[in-house]
């Protein structure tokens, strides 16, 4: 085997002992090697090492901070898992709410059979979106066809009535498809739905793909804490009332980070649901704080975009 082949082979696979040696060579303190190897085996070295950045000396220095331990690294991994689970269950609540609202509004106006509610004439007549309208209708029909047979409610309607009403169809449509559906609705339909959330249709159109992206990220157990949205959310009164600092004229938190999602959830969840969300996140932050030795919890809050006073958002008016 050539040196080049050996190098490629080494990059592809490392034994558990080698993985431990790599972490120790980078300055990470490992008190119990057997415990560490069991964690690496169960959780995957690649995914656990994705949280190392908070424990490194700098962005350019790949060495760990003095006194940084594997238990801290694993605590960051578990913290992300816990907040991801909390966020995910709340995104599922919103997904269900949005699907219910969409199906109600469109069924009320256009009918409850596929031949009625899937007519291209029900959607925008903007010539620039002509292709998108037809493509999305095809996607919806394909998902109904492919997923419907596996869903008891859709099977029931098809077998007994020969059609599937939209309030049942939305259960087999992906959240991404439903969010895209909003972008091709007629303006009056967008306004009617946005009014339910007391926001402008333009703002809701910005929020929906962000929700869909986070929903998919959580479903696939990707790293959540430092994820950045593809598009920042517009400034809100929450940014000002929480006294979030600015840099170069832009708020440093709550624009394209996890706290931006929290602001969206504040707008879309009920007050009781949102309060529970913040209480659960606060608990996980406190648990992590007790496990950190080489860094302070403020460094983690900064990474996820949470201002120190993030809990105060609970007491701000939803309509701000």
C-alpha atoms as a PDB file:
ATOM      1  CA  UNK A   1       0.000   0.000   0.000  1.00  0.00           C
ATOM      2  CA  UNK A   2       1.393   3.425  -0.932  1.00  0.00           C
ATOM      3  CA  UNK A   3       1.823   6.226   1.611  1.00  0.00           C
ATOM      4  CA  UNK A   4      -1.064   8.035  -0.078  1.00  0.00           C
ATOM      5  CA  UNK A   5      -3.309   4.974   0.370  1.00  0.00           C
ATOM      6  CA  UNK A   6      -2.260   4.681   4.005  1.00  0.00           C
ATOM      7  CA  UNK A   7      -3.124   8.347   4.615  1.00  0.00           C
ATOM      8  CA  UNK A   8      -6.510   7.943   2.960  1.00  0.00           C
ATOM      9  CA  UNK A   9      -7.145   4.802   5.001  1.00  0.00           C
ATOM     10  CA  UNK A  10      -6.243   6.571   8.246  1.00  0.00           C
ATOM     11  CA  UNK A  11      -8.691   9.363   7.463  1.00  0.00           C
ATOM     12  CA  UNK A  12     -11.503   6.928   6.862  1.00  0.00           C
ATOM     13  CA  UNK A  13     -11.316   4.809  10.020  1.00  0.00           C
ATOM     14  CA  UNK A  14      -9.895   5.097  13.526  1.00  0.00           C
ATOM     15  CA  UNK A  15     -10.212   2.518  16.271  1.00  0.00           C
ATOM     16  CA  UNK A  16     -11.660   3.566  19.620  1.00  0.00           C
ATOM     17  CA  UNK A  17      -8.168   3.568  21.133  1.00  0.00           C
ATOM     18  CA  UNK A  18      -6.942   5.812  18.313  1.00  0.00           C
ATOM     19  CA  UNK A  19      -9.893   8.164  18.783  1.00  0.00           C
ATOM     20  CA  UNK A  20      -9.065   8.491  22.468  1.00  0.00           C
ATOM     21  CA  UNK A  21      -5.397   9.116  21.637  1.00  0.00           C
ATOM     22  CA  UNK A  22      -6.356  11.897  19.203  1.00  0.00           C
ATOM     23  CA  UNK A  23      -8.440  13.665  21.851  1.00  0.00           C
ATOM     24  CA  UNK A  24      -5.677  13.323  24.450  1.00  0.00           C
ATOM     25  CA  UNK A  25      -3.069  14.589  21.978  1.00  0.00           C
ATOM     26  CA  UNK A  26      -5.181  17.726  21.556  1.00  0.00           C
ATOM     27  CA  UNK A  27      -5.108  18.333  25.294  1.00  0.00           C
ATOM     28  CA  UNK A  28      -8.476  16.924  26.334  1.00  0.00           C
ATOM     29  CA  UNK A  29      -8.426  15.399  29.813  1.00  0.00           C
ATOM     30  CA  UNK A  30      -9.831  11.856  29.858  1.00  0.00           C
ATOM     31  CA  UNK A  31     -10.218  10.412  33.352  1.00  0.00           C
ATOM     32  CA  UNK A  32     -11.823   7.118  32.369  1.00  0.00           C
ATOM     33  CA  UNK A  33     -10.726   5.703  29.033  1.00  0.00           C
ATOM     34  CA  UNK A  34     -13.104   2.731  29.069  1.00  0.00           C
ATOM     35  CA  UNK A  35     -16.084   4.995  29.745  1.00  0.00           C
ATOM     36  CA  UNK A  36     -14.924   7.327  26.990  1.00  0.00           C
ATOM     37  CA  UNK A  37     -14.594   4.498  24.477  1.00  0.00           C
ATOM     38  CA  UNK A  38     -18.092   3.259  25.308  1.00  0.00           C
ATOM     39  CA  UNK A  39     -19.497   6.745  24.699  1.00  0.00           C
ATOM     40  CA  UNK A  40     -17.592   7.112  21.441  1.00  0.00           C
ATOM     41  CA  UNK A  41     -18.857   3.721  20.299  1.00  0.00           C
ATOM     42  CA  UNK A  42     -22.491   4.521  21.097  1.00  0.00           C
ATOM     43  CA  UNK A  43     -22.598   8.160  20.067  1.00  0.00           C
ATOM     44  CA  UNK A  44     -20.024   8.423  17.240  1.00  0.00           C
ATOM     45  CA  UNK A  45     -16.714  10.289  17.489  1.00  0.00           C
ATOM     46  CA  UNK A  46     -17.609  12.532  14.551  1.00  0.00           C
ATOM     47  CA  UNK A  47     -20.795  13.855  16.165  1.00  0.00           C
ATOM     48  CA  UNK A  48     -19.329  14.303  19.637  1.00  0.00           C
ATOM     49  CA  UNK A  49     -16.307  16.157  18.249  1.00  0.00           C
ATOM     50  CA  UNK A  50     -18.730  18.554  16.556  1.00  0.00           C
ATOM     51  CA  UNK A  51     -19.109  20.259  19.950  1.00  0.00           C
ATOM     52  CA  UNK A  52     -15.380  20.730  20.547  1.00  0.00           C
ATOM     53  CA  UNK A  53     -15.303  24.326  19.272  1.00  0.00           C
ATOM     54  CA  UNK A  54     -16.568  25.729  22.571  1.00  0.00           C
ATOM     55  CA  UNK A  55     -13.707  24.011  24.401  1.00  0.00           C
ATOM     56  CA  UNK A  56     -10.855  24.975  22.051  1.00  0.00           C
ATOM     57  CA  UNK A  57      -8.323  27.696  22.822  1.00  0.00           C
ATOM     58  CA  UNK A  58      -9.328  29.641  19.705  1.00  0.00           C
ATOM     59  CA  UNK A  59     -10.910  29.206  16.281  1.00  0.00           C
ATOM     60  CA  UNK A  60      -7.472  28.641  14.768  1.00  0.00           C
ATOM     61  CA  UNK A  61      -5.972  26.575  17.580  1.00  0.00           C
ATOM     62  CA  UNK A  62      -7.129  22.960  17.509  1.00  0.00           C
ATOM     63  CA  UNK A  63      -5.896  22.372  21.071  1.00  0.00           C
ATOM     64  CA  UNK A  64      -8.355  22.164  23.942  1.00  0.00           C
ATOM     65  CA  UNK A  65      -8.433  24.670  26.777  1.00  0.00           C
ATOM     66  CA  UNK A  66      -6.490  23.794  29.939  1.00  0.00           C
ATOM     67  CA  UNK A  67      -8.600  21.591  32.220  1.00  0.00           C
ATOM     68  CA  UNK A  68     -11.144  20.808  29.468  1.00  0.00           C
ATOM     69  CA  UNK A  69     -12.442  17.279  29.957  1.00  0.00           C
ATOM     70  CA  UNK A  70     -14.208  14.657  27.907  1.00  0.00           C
ATOM     71  CA  UNK A  71     -17.088  14.795  30.386  1.00  0.00           C
ATOM     72  CA  UNK A  72     -17.547  18.470  29.521  1.00  0.00           C
ATOM     73  CA  UNK A  73     -17.489  17.669  25.822  1.00  0.00           C
ATOM     74  CA  UNK A  74     -20.083  14.944  26.306  1.00  0.00           C
ATOM     75  CA  UNK A  75     -22.168  17.309  28.455  1.00  0.00           C
ATOM     76  CA  UNK A  76     -22.300  19.771  25.544  1.00  0.00           C
ATOM     77  CA  UNK A  77     -23.372  16.930  23.259  1.00  0.00           C
ATOM     78  CA  UNK A  78     -26.153  15.933  25.665  1.00  0.00           C
ATOM     79  CA  UNK A  79     -27.212  19.550  26.186  1.00  0.00           C
ATOM     80  CA  UNK A  80     -27.708  19.941  22.451  1.00  0.00           C
ATOM     81  CA  UNK A  81     -29.672  16.688  22.363  1.00  0.00           C
ATOM     82  CA  UNK A  82     -31.989  17.839  25.151  1.00  0.00           C
ATOM     83  CA  UNK A  83     -32.697  21.296  23.727  1.00  0.00           C
ATOM     84  CA  UNK A  84     -33.157  19.748  20.274  1.00  0.00           C
ATOM     85  CA  UNK A  85     -35.835  17.443  21.710  1.00  0.00           C
ATOM     86  CA  UNK A  86     -37.539  20.383  23.424  1.00  0.00           C
ATOM     87  CA  UNK A  87     -37.487  22.494  20.268  1.00  0.00           C
ATOM     88  CA  UNK A  88     -38.643  19.585  18.113  1.00  0.00           C
ATOM     89  CA  UNK A  89     -41.783  18.837  20.107  1.00  0.00           C
ATOM     90  CA  UNK A  90     -42.760  22.512  19.946  1.00  0.00           C
ATOM     91  CA  UNK A  91     -42.124  22.638  16.211  1.00  0.00           C
ATOM     92  CA  UNK A  92     -44.445  19.646  15.845  1.00  0.00           C
ATOM     93  CA  UNK A  93     -47.143  21.584  17.709  1.00  0.00           C
ATOM     94  CA  UNK A  94     -46.736  24.489  15.287  1.00  0.00           C
ATOM     95  CA  UNK A  95     -46.646  22.139  12.294  1.00  0.00           C
ATOM     96  CA  UNK A  96     -49.952  20.636  13.346  1.00  0.00           C
ATOM     97  CA  UNK A  97     -51.462  24.094  13.969  1.00  0.00           C
ATOM     98  CA  UNK A  98     -50.361  25.410  10.580  1.00  0.00           C
ATOM     99  CA  UNK A  99     -51.602  22.347   8.716  1.00  0.00           C
ATOM    100  CA  UNK A 100     -54.956  22.614  10.486  1.00  0.00           C
ATOM    101  CA  UNK A 101     -55.316  26.325   9.728  1.00  0.00           C
ATOM    102  CA  UNK A 102     -54.267  25.936   6.085  1.00  0.00           C
ATOM    103  CA  UNK A 103     -56.667  23.054   5.489  1.00  0.00           C
ATOM    104  CA  UNK A 104     -59.558  24.859   7.163  1.00  0.00           C
ATOM    105  CA  UNK A 105     -59.086  28.113   5.241  1.00  0.00           C
ATOM    106  CA  UNK A 106     -58.581  26.475   1.841  1.00  0.00           C
ATOM    107  CA  UNK A 107     -61.363  23.883   2.287  1.00  0.00           C
ATOM    108  CA  UNK A 108     -63.800  26.592   3.355  1.00  0.00           C
ATOM    109  CA  UNK A 109     -63.061  28.618   0.225  1.00  0.00           C
ATOM    110  CA  UNK A 110     -62.273  26.045  -2.468  1.00  0.00           C
ATOM    111  CA  UNK A 111     -63.923  22.784  -1.407  1.00  0.00           C
ATOM    112  CA  UNK A 112     -62.836  19.573   0.273  1.00  0.00           C
ATOM    113  CA  UNK A 113     -62.166  17.245  -2.672  1.00  0.00           C
ATOM    114  CA  UNK A 114     -58.816  17.030  -4.504  1.00  0.00           C
ATOM    115  CA  UNK A 115     -60.425  18.042  -7.808  1.00  0.00           C
ATOM    116  CA  UNK A 116     -61.530  21.258  -6.110  1.00  0.00           C
ATOM    117  CA  UNK A 117     -58.749  22.314  -3.747  1.00  0.00           C
ATOM    118  CA  UNK A 118     -55.885  21.358  -6.093  1.00  0.00           C
ATOM    119  CA  UNK A 119     -57.011  23.507  -9.017  1.00  0.00           C
ATOM    120  CA  UNK A 120     -54.233  25.832 -10.263  1.00  0.00           C
ATOM    121  CA  UNK A 121     -56.813  28.641 -10.397  1.00  0.00           C
ATOM    122  CA  UNK A 122     -57.009  28.552  -6.575  1.00  0.00           C
ATOM    123  CA  UNK A 123     -53.497  29.921  -6.347  1.00  0.00           C
ATOM    124  CA  UNK A 124     -51.605  33.036  -7.390  1.00  0.00           C
ATOM    125  CA  UNK A 125     -51.872  34.160 -11.008  1.00  0.00           C
ATOM    126  CA  UNK A 126     -48.436  35.760 -10.869  1.00  0.00           C
ATOM    127  CA  UNK A 127     -46.811  34.630 -14.155  1.00  0.00           C
ATOM    128  CA  UNK A 128     -43.425  34.374 -12.402  1.00  0.00           C
ATOM    129  CA  UNK A 129     -44.878  31.678 -10.139  1.00  0.00           C
ATOM    130  CA  UNK A 130     -46.775  29.749 -12.828  1.00  0.00           C
ATOM    131  CA  UNK A 131     -44.218  26.953 -12.922  1.00  0.00           C
ATOM    132  CA  UNK A 132     -43.925  26.815  -9.107  1.00  0.00           C
ATOM    133  CA  UNK A 133     -47.707  26.473  -8.756  1.00  0.00           C
ATOM    134  CA  UNK A 134     -47.866  23.537 -11.162  1.00  0.00           C
ATOM    135  CA  UNK A 135     -44.762  21.879  -9.707  1.00  0.00           C
ATOM    136  CA  UNK A 136     -46.087  22.143  -6.164  1.00  0.00           C
ATOM    137  CA  UNK A 137     -49.476  20.721  -7.111  1.00  0.00           C
ATOM    138  CA  UNK A 138     -47.659  17.770  -8.704  1.00  0.00           C
ATOM    139  CA  UNK A 139     -45.580  17.296  -5.534  1.00  0.00           C
ATOM    140  CA  UNK A 140     -48.715  17.341  -3.395  1.00  0.00           C
ATOM    141  CA  UNK A 141     -50.433  14.768  -5.601  1.00  0.00           C
ATOM    142  CA  UNK A 142     -47.318  12.576  -5.500  1.00  0.00           C
ATOM    143  CA  UNK A 143     -47.099  12.730  -1.693  1.00  0.00           C
ATOM    144  CA  UNK A 144     -50.813  11.990  -1.400  1.00  0.00           C
ATOM    145  CA  UNK A 145     -50.370   8.987  -3.703  1.00  0.00           C
ATOM    146  CA  UNK A 146     -47.163   7.674  -2.098  1.00  0.00           C
ATOM    147  CA  UNK A 147     -47.904   8.376   1.559  1.00  0.00           C
ATOM    148  CA  UNK A 148     -51.670   8.113   1.535  1.00  0.00           C
ATOM    149  CA  UNK A 149     -51.764   4.319   1.313  1.00  0.00           C
ATOM    150  CA  UNK A 150     -49.751   4.098   4.545  1.00  0.00           C
ATOM    151  CA  UNK A 151     -52.092   6.405   6.483  1.00  0.00           C
ATOM    152  CA  UNK A 152     -55.279   4.872   7.881  1.00  0.00           C
ATOM    153  CA  UNK A 153     -57.371   8.047   7.554  1.00  0.00           C
ATOM    154  CA  UNK A 154     -56.497   8.649   3.901  1.00  0.00           C
ATOM    155  CA  UNK A 155     -57.132   4.972   3.095  1.00  0.00           C
ATOM    156  CA  UNK A 156     -60.490   5.174   4.829  1.00  0.00           C
ATOM    157  CA  UNK A 157     -61.643   8.174   2.791  1.00  0.00           C
ATOM    158  CA  UNK A 158     -60.348   6.808  -0.503  1.00  0.00           C
ATOM    159  CA  UNK A 159     -61.915   3.384  -0.017  1.00  0.00           C
ATOM    160  CA  UNK A 160     -65.253   4.637   1.308  1.00  0.00           C
ATOM    161  CA  UNK A 161     -65.766   7.982  -0.392  1.00  0.00           C
ATOM    162  CA  UNK A 162     -63.356   8.042  -3.346  1.00  0.00           C
ATOM    163  CA  UNK A 163     -61.598  11.239  -2.268  1.00  0.00           C
ATOM    164  CA  UNK A 164     -59.419  12.565   0.559  1.00  0.00           C
ATOM    165  CA  UNK A 165     -60.372  15.894   2.173  1.00  0.00           C
ATOM    166  CA  UNK A 166     -57.616  18.455   2.657  1.00  0.00           C
ATOM    167  CA  UNK A 167     -57.818  18.278   6.467  1.00  0.00           C
ATOM    168  CA  UNK A 168     -56.750  14.647   6.175  1.00  0.00           C
ATOM    169  CA  UNK A 169     -54.327  15.164   3.281  1.00  0.00           C
ATOM    170  CA  UNK A 170     -52.187  17.606   5.281  1.00  0.00           C
ATOM    171  CA  UNK A 171     -51.248  14.747   7.602  1.00  0.00           C
ATOM    172  CA  UNK A 172     -49.332  13.023   4.790  1.00  0.00           C
ATOM    173  CA  UNK A 173     -47.787  16.188   3.345  1.00  0.00           C
ATOM    174  CA  UNK A 174     -44.308  17.188   4.495  1.00  0.00           C
ATOM    175  CA  UNK A 175     -44.034  20.406   6.495  1.00  0.00           C
ATOM    176  CA  UNK A 176     -41.758  21.795   3.783  1.00  0.00           C
ATOM    177  CA  UNK A 177     -44.466  21.291   1.161  1.00  0.00           C
ATOM    178  CA  UNK A 178     -47.074  22.939   3.383  1.00  0.00           C
ATOM    179  CA  UNK A 179     -44.783  25.918   4.025  1.00  0.00           C
ATOM    180  CA  UNK A 180     -44.120  26.305   0.298  1.00  0.00           C
ATOM    181  CA  UNK A 181     -47.870  26.146  -0.277  1.00  0.00           C
ATOM    182  CA  UNK A 182     -48.201  29.487   1.509  1.00  0.00           C
ATOM    183  CA  UNK A 183     -45.905  31.174  -1.020  1.00  0.00           C
ATOM    184  CA  UNK A 184     -48.231  30.335  -3.932  1.00  0.00           C
ATOM    185  CA  UNK A 185     -51.514  31.232  -2.277  1.00  0.00           C
ATOM    186  CA  UNK A 186     -53.545  34.192  -3.429  1.00  0.00           C
ATOM    187  CA  UNK A 187     -52.747  37.351  -1.473  1.00  0.00           C
ATOM    188  CA  UNK A 188     -56.163  37.431   0.195  1.00  0.00           C
ATOM    189  CA  UNK A 189     -55.672  33.871   1.446  1.00  0.00           C
ATOM    190  CA  UNK A 190     -52.198  34.698   2.769  1.00  0.00           C
ATOM    191  CA  UNK A 191     -53.597  37.708   4.612  1.00  0.00           C
ATOM    192  CA  UNK A 192     -56.465  35.735   6.149  1.00  0.00           C
ATOM    193  CA  UNK A 193     -54.061  33.106   7.501  1.00  0.00           C
ATOM    194  CA  UNK A 194     -51.462  35.635   8.695  1.00  0.00           C
ATOM    195  CA  UNK A 195     -54.189  37.548  10.540  1.00  0.00           C
ATOM    196  CA  UNK A 196     -54.804  34.486  12.700  1.00  0.00           C
ATOM    197  CA  UNK A 197     -51.244  34.921  13.976  1.00  0.00           C
ATOM    198  CA  UNK A 198     -51.565  38.721  14.103  1.00  0.00           C
ATOM    199  CA  UNK A 199     -48.681  39.285  11.726  1.00  0.00           C
ATOM    200  CA  UNK A 200     -48.163  40.427   8.162  1.00  0.00           C
ATOM    201  CA  UNK A 201     -48.122  37.809   5.382  1.00  0.00           C
ATOM    202  CA  UNK A 202     -44.592  38.925   4.456  1.00  0.00           C
ATOM    203  CA  UNK A 203     -43.319  38.114   7.956  1.00  0.00           C
ATOM    204  CA  UNK A 204     -45.102  34.750   8.038  1.00  0.00           C
ATOM    205  CA  UNK A 205     -43.595  33.908   4.651  1.00  0.00           C
ATOM    206  CA  UNK A 206     -40.125  34.573   6.107  1.00  0.00           C
ATOM    207  CA  UNK A 207     -40.815  32.522   9.236  1.00  0.00           C
ATOM    208  CA  UNK A 208     -42.215  29.390   7.572  1.00  0.00           C
ATOM    209  CA  UNK A 209     -39.072  28.124   5.757  1.00  0.00           C
ATOM    210  CA  UNK A 210     -37.027  28.793   8.913  1.00  0.00           C
ATOM    211  CA  UNK A 211     -39.446  26.606  10.866  1.00  0.00           C
ATOM    212  CA  UNK A 212     -39.259  23.889   8.197  1.00  0.00           C
ATOM    213  CA  UNK A 213     -35.434  23.950   8.205  1.00  0.00           C
ATOM    214  CA  UNK A 214     -35.245  23.645  11.992  1.00  0.00           C
ATOM    215  CA  UNK A 215     -37.873  20.911  11.951  1.00  0.00           C
ATOM    216  CA  UNK A 216     -35.771  18.852   9.521  1.00  0.00           C
ATOM    217  CA  UNK A 217     -32.577  19.563  11.441  1.00  0.00           C
ATOM    218  CA  UNK A 218     -34.166  18.306  14.670  1.00  0.00           C
ATOM    219  CA  UNK A 219     -35.717  15.267  12.979  1.00  0.00           C
ATOM    220  CA  UNK A 220     -32.305  14.215  11.646  1.00  0.00           C
ATOM    221  CA  UNK A 221     -30.545  14.930  14.972  1.00  0.00           C
ATOM    222  CA  UNK A 222     -28.115  17.421  13.452  1.00  0.00           C
ATOM    223  CA  UNK A 223     -26.170  19.867  15.618  1.00  0.00           C
ATOM    224  CA  UNK A 224     -28.605  22.542  16.756  1.00  0.00           C
ATOM    225  CA  UNK A 225     -26.925  24.952  19.137  1.00  0.00           C
ATOM    226  CA  UNK A 226     -24.853  26.965  16.639  1.00  0.00           C
ATOM    227  CA  UNK A 227     -27.033  26.525  13.532  1.00  0.00           C
ATOM    228  CA  UNK A 228     -27.516  29.714  11.546  1.00  0.00           C
ATOM    229  CA  UNK A 229     -30.569  30.373   9.391  1.00  0.00           C
ATOM    230  CA  UNK A 230     -30.123  31.079   5.683  1.00  0.00           C
ATOM    231  CA  UNK A 231     -31.995  34.346   6.099  1.00  0.00           C
ATOM    232  CA  UNK A 232     -32.088  36.612   9.170  1.00  0.00           C
ATOM    233  CA  UNK A 233     -35.464  37.463  10.616  1.00  0.00           C
ATOM    234  CA  UNK A 234     -36.566  41.116  10.580  1.00  0.00           C
ATOM    235  CA  UNK A 235     -36.017  43.183  13.723  1.00  0.00           C
ATOM    236  CA  UNK A 236     -38.775  42.960  16.330  1.00  0.00           C
ATOM    237  CA  UNK A 237     -39.652  44.974  19.428  1.00  0.00           C
ATOM    238  CA  UNK A 238     -38.349  42.029  21.440  1.00  0.00           C
ATOM    239  CA  UNK A 239     -34.805  42.852  20.320  1.00  0.00           C
ATOM    240  CA  UNK A 240     -35.166  46.388  21.643  1.00  0.00           C
ATOM    241  CA  UNK A 241     -37.000  45.565  24.877  1.00  0.00           C
ATOM    242  CA  UNK A 242     -34.483  42.876  25.792  1.00  0.00           C
ATOM    243  CA  UNK A 243     -31.748  45.451  25.178  1.00  0.00           C
ATOM    244  CA  UNK A 244     -29.836  43.125  22.878  1.00  0.00           C
ATOM    245  CA  UNK A 245     -26.578  44.873  21.932  1.00  0.00           C
ATOM    246  CA  UNK A 246     -25.738  45.784  18.369  1.00  0.00           C
ATOM    247  CA  UNK A 247     -22.597  45.473  16.281  1.00  0.00           C
ATOM    248  CA  UNK A 248     -22.257  47.461  13.051  1.00  0.00           C
ATOM    249  CA  UNK A 249     -25.896  48.450  13.388  1.00  0.00           C
ATOM    250  CA  UNK A 250     -27.182  44.864  13.681  1.00  0.00           C
ATOM    251  CA  UNK A 251     -28.432  43.029  16.749  1.00  0.00           C
ATOM    252  CA  UNK A 252     -25.896  40.375  17.731  1.00  0.00           C
ATOM    253  CA  UNK A 253     -28.547  37.927  18.975  1.00  0.00           C
ATOM    254  CA  UNK A 254     -31.942  36.869  17.684  1.00  0.00           C
ATOM    255  CA  UNK A 255     -31.422  37.439  13.985  1.00  0.00           C
ATOM    256  CA  UNK A 256     -30.151  34.178  12.444  1.00  0.00           C
ATOM    257  CA  UNK A 257     -29.408  32.013  15.479  1.00  0.00           C
ATOM    258  CA  UNK A 258     -31.380  29.775  17.806  1.00  0.00           C
ATOM    259  CA  UNK A 259     -32.806  32.782  19.628  1.00  0.00           C
ATOM    260  CA  UNK A 260     -34.287  33.963  16.318  1.00  0.00           C
ATOM    261  CA  UNK A 261     -36.247  30.705  16.305  1.00  0.00           C
ATOM    262  CA  UNK A 262     -37.302  31.356  19.908  1.00  0.00           C
ATOM    263  CA  UNK A 263     -38.716  34.711  18.808  1.00  0.00           C
ATOM    264  CA  UNK A 264     -40.692  32.979  16.039  1.00  0.00           C
ATOM    265  CA  UNK A 265     -41.988  30.410  18.536  1.00  0.00           C
ATOM    266  CA  UNK A 266     -43.050  33.252  20.829  1.00  0.00           C
ATOM    267  CA  UNK A 267     -45.241  34.529  18.000  1.00  0.00           C
ATOM    268  CA  UNK A 268     -46.766  31.167  17.069  1.00  0.00           C
ATOM    269  CA  UNK A 269     -47.149  29.171  20.286  1.00  0.00           C
ATOM    270  CA  UNK A 270     -49.779  29.796  22.921  1.00  0.00           C
ATOM    271  CA  UNK A 271     -48.592  31.689  26.016  1.00  0.00           C
ATOM    272  CA  UNK A 272     -48.685  28.555  28.172  1.00  0.00           C
ATOM    273  CA  UNK A 273     -46.812  26.494  25.568  1.00  0.00           C
ATOM    274  CA  UNK A 274     -44.135  29.154  25.222  1.00  0.00           C
ATOM    275  CA  UNK A 275     -43.683  29.547  28.965  1.00  0.00           C
ATOM    276  CA  UNK A 276     -43.195  25.787  29.297  1.00  0.00           C
ATOM    277  CA  UNK A 277     -40.656  25.890  26.455  1.00  0.00           C
ATOM    278  CA  UNK A 278     -38.592  28.587  28.200  1.00  0.00           C
ATOM    279  CA  UNK A 279     -38.807  26.783  31.549  1.00  0.00           C
ATOM    280  CA  UNK A 280     -37.546  23.549  29.979  1.00  0.00           C
ATOM    281  CA  UNK A 281     -34.698  25.316  28.171  1.00  0.00           C
ATOM    282  CA  UNK A 282     -33.745  27.140  31.373  1.00  0.00           C
ATOM    283  CA  UNK A 283     -33.586  23.832  33.237  1.00  0.00           C
ATOM    284  CA  UNK A 284     -31.215  22.331  30.646  1.00  0.00           C
ATOM    285  CA  UNK A 285     -29.018  25.444  30.712  1.00  0.00           C
ATOM    286  CA  UNK A 286     -28.811  25.215  34.514  1.00  0.00           C
ATOM    287  CA  UNK A 287     -27.932  21.508  34.332  1.00  0.00           C
ATOM    288  CA  UNK A 288     -25.138  22.223  31.855  1.00  0.00           C
ATOM    289  CA  UNK A 289     -23.873  25.123  33.952  1.00  0.00           C
ATOM    290  CA  UNK A 290     -23.262  22.719  36.820  1.00  0.00           C
ATOM    291  CA  UNK A 291     -21.160  20.442  34.596  1.00  0.00           C
ATOM    292  CA  UNK A 292     -18.884  23.029  33.012  1.00  0.00           C
ATOM    293  CA  UNK A 293     -15.420  23.621  34.501  1.00  0.00           C
ATOM    294  CA  UNK A 294     -13.151  25.050  31.802  1.00  0.00           C
ATOM    295  CA  UNK A 295     -15.669  27.520  30.335  1.00  0.00           C
ATOM    296  CA  UNK A 296     -18.588  29.547  31.692  1.00  0.00           C
ATOM    297  CA  UNK A 297     -22.202  29.060  30.674  1.00  0.00           C
ATOM    298  CA  UNK A 298     -22.168  32.553  29.134  1.00  0.00           C
ATOM    299  CA  UNK A 299     -19.964  31.193  26.349  1.00  0.00           C
ATOM    300  CA  UNK A 300     -22.621  28.607  25.507  1.00  0.00           C
ATOM    301  CA  UNK A 301     -25.402  31.218  25.631  1.00  0.00           C
ATOM    302  CA  UNK A 302     -23.402  33.384  23.249  1.00  0.00           C
ATOM    303  CA  UNK A 303     -23.016  30.449  20.838  1.00  0.00           C
ATOM    304  CA  UNK A 304     -26.767  29.775  20.748  1.00  0.00           C
ATOM    305  CA  UNK A 305     -27.560  33.491  20.520  1.00  0.00           C
ATOM    306  CA  UNK A 306     -29.296  33.775  23.892  1.00  0.00           C
ATOM    307  CA  UNK A 307     -28.991  37.106  25.703  1.00  0.00           C
ATOM    308  CA  UNK A 308     -28.336  36.760  29.446  1.00  0.00           C
ATOM    309  CA  UNK A 309     -31.875  37.978  30.168  1.00  0.00           C
ATOM    310  CA  UNK A 310     -33.509  35.641  27.605  1.00  0.00           C
ATOM    311  CA  UNK A 311     -36.160  34.497  30.114  1.00  0.00           C
ATOM    312  CA  UNK A 312     -37.704  37.983  30.108  1.00  0.00           C
ATOM    313  CA  UNK A 313     -39.182  37.297  26.668  1.00  0.00           C
ATOM    314  CA  UNK A 314     -41.829  35.227  28.491  1.00  0.00           C
ATOM    315  CA  UNK A 315     -43.270  38.391  29.991  1.00  0.00           C
ATOM    316  CA  UNK A 316     -43.368  40.463  26.810  1.00  0.00           C
ATOM    317  CA  UNK A 317     -46.606  40.880  24.907  1.00  0.00           C
ATOM    318  CA  UNK A 318     -47.035  38.392  22.023  1.00  0.00           C
ATOM    319  CA  UNK A 319     -48.362  41.180  19.798  1.00  0.00           C
ATOM    320  CA  UNK A 320     -45.179  43.281  19.972  1.00  0.00           C
END
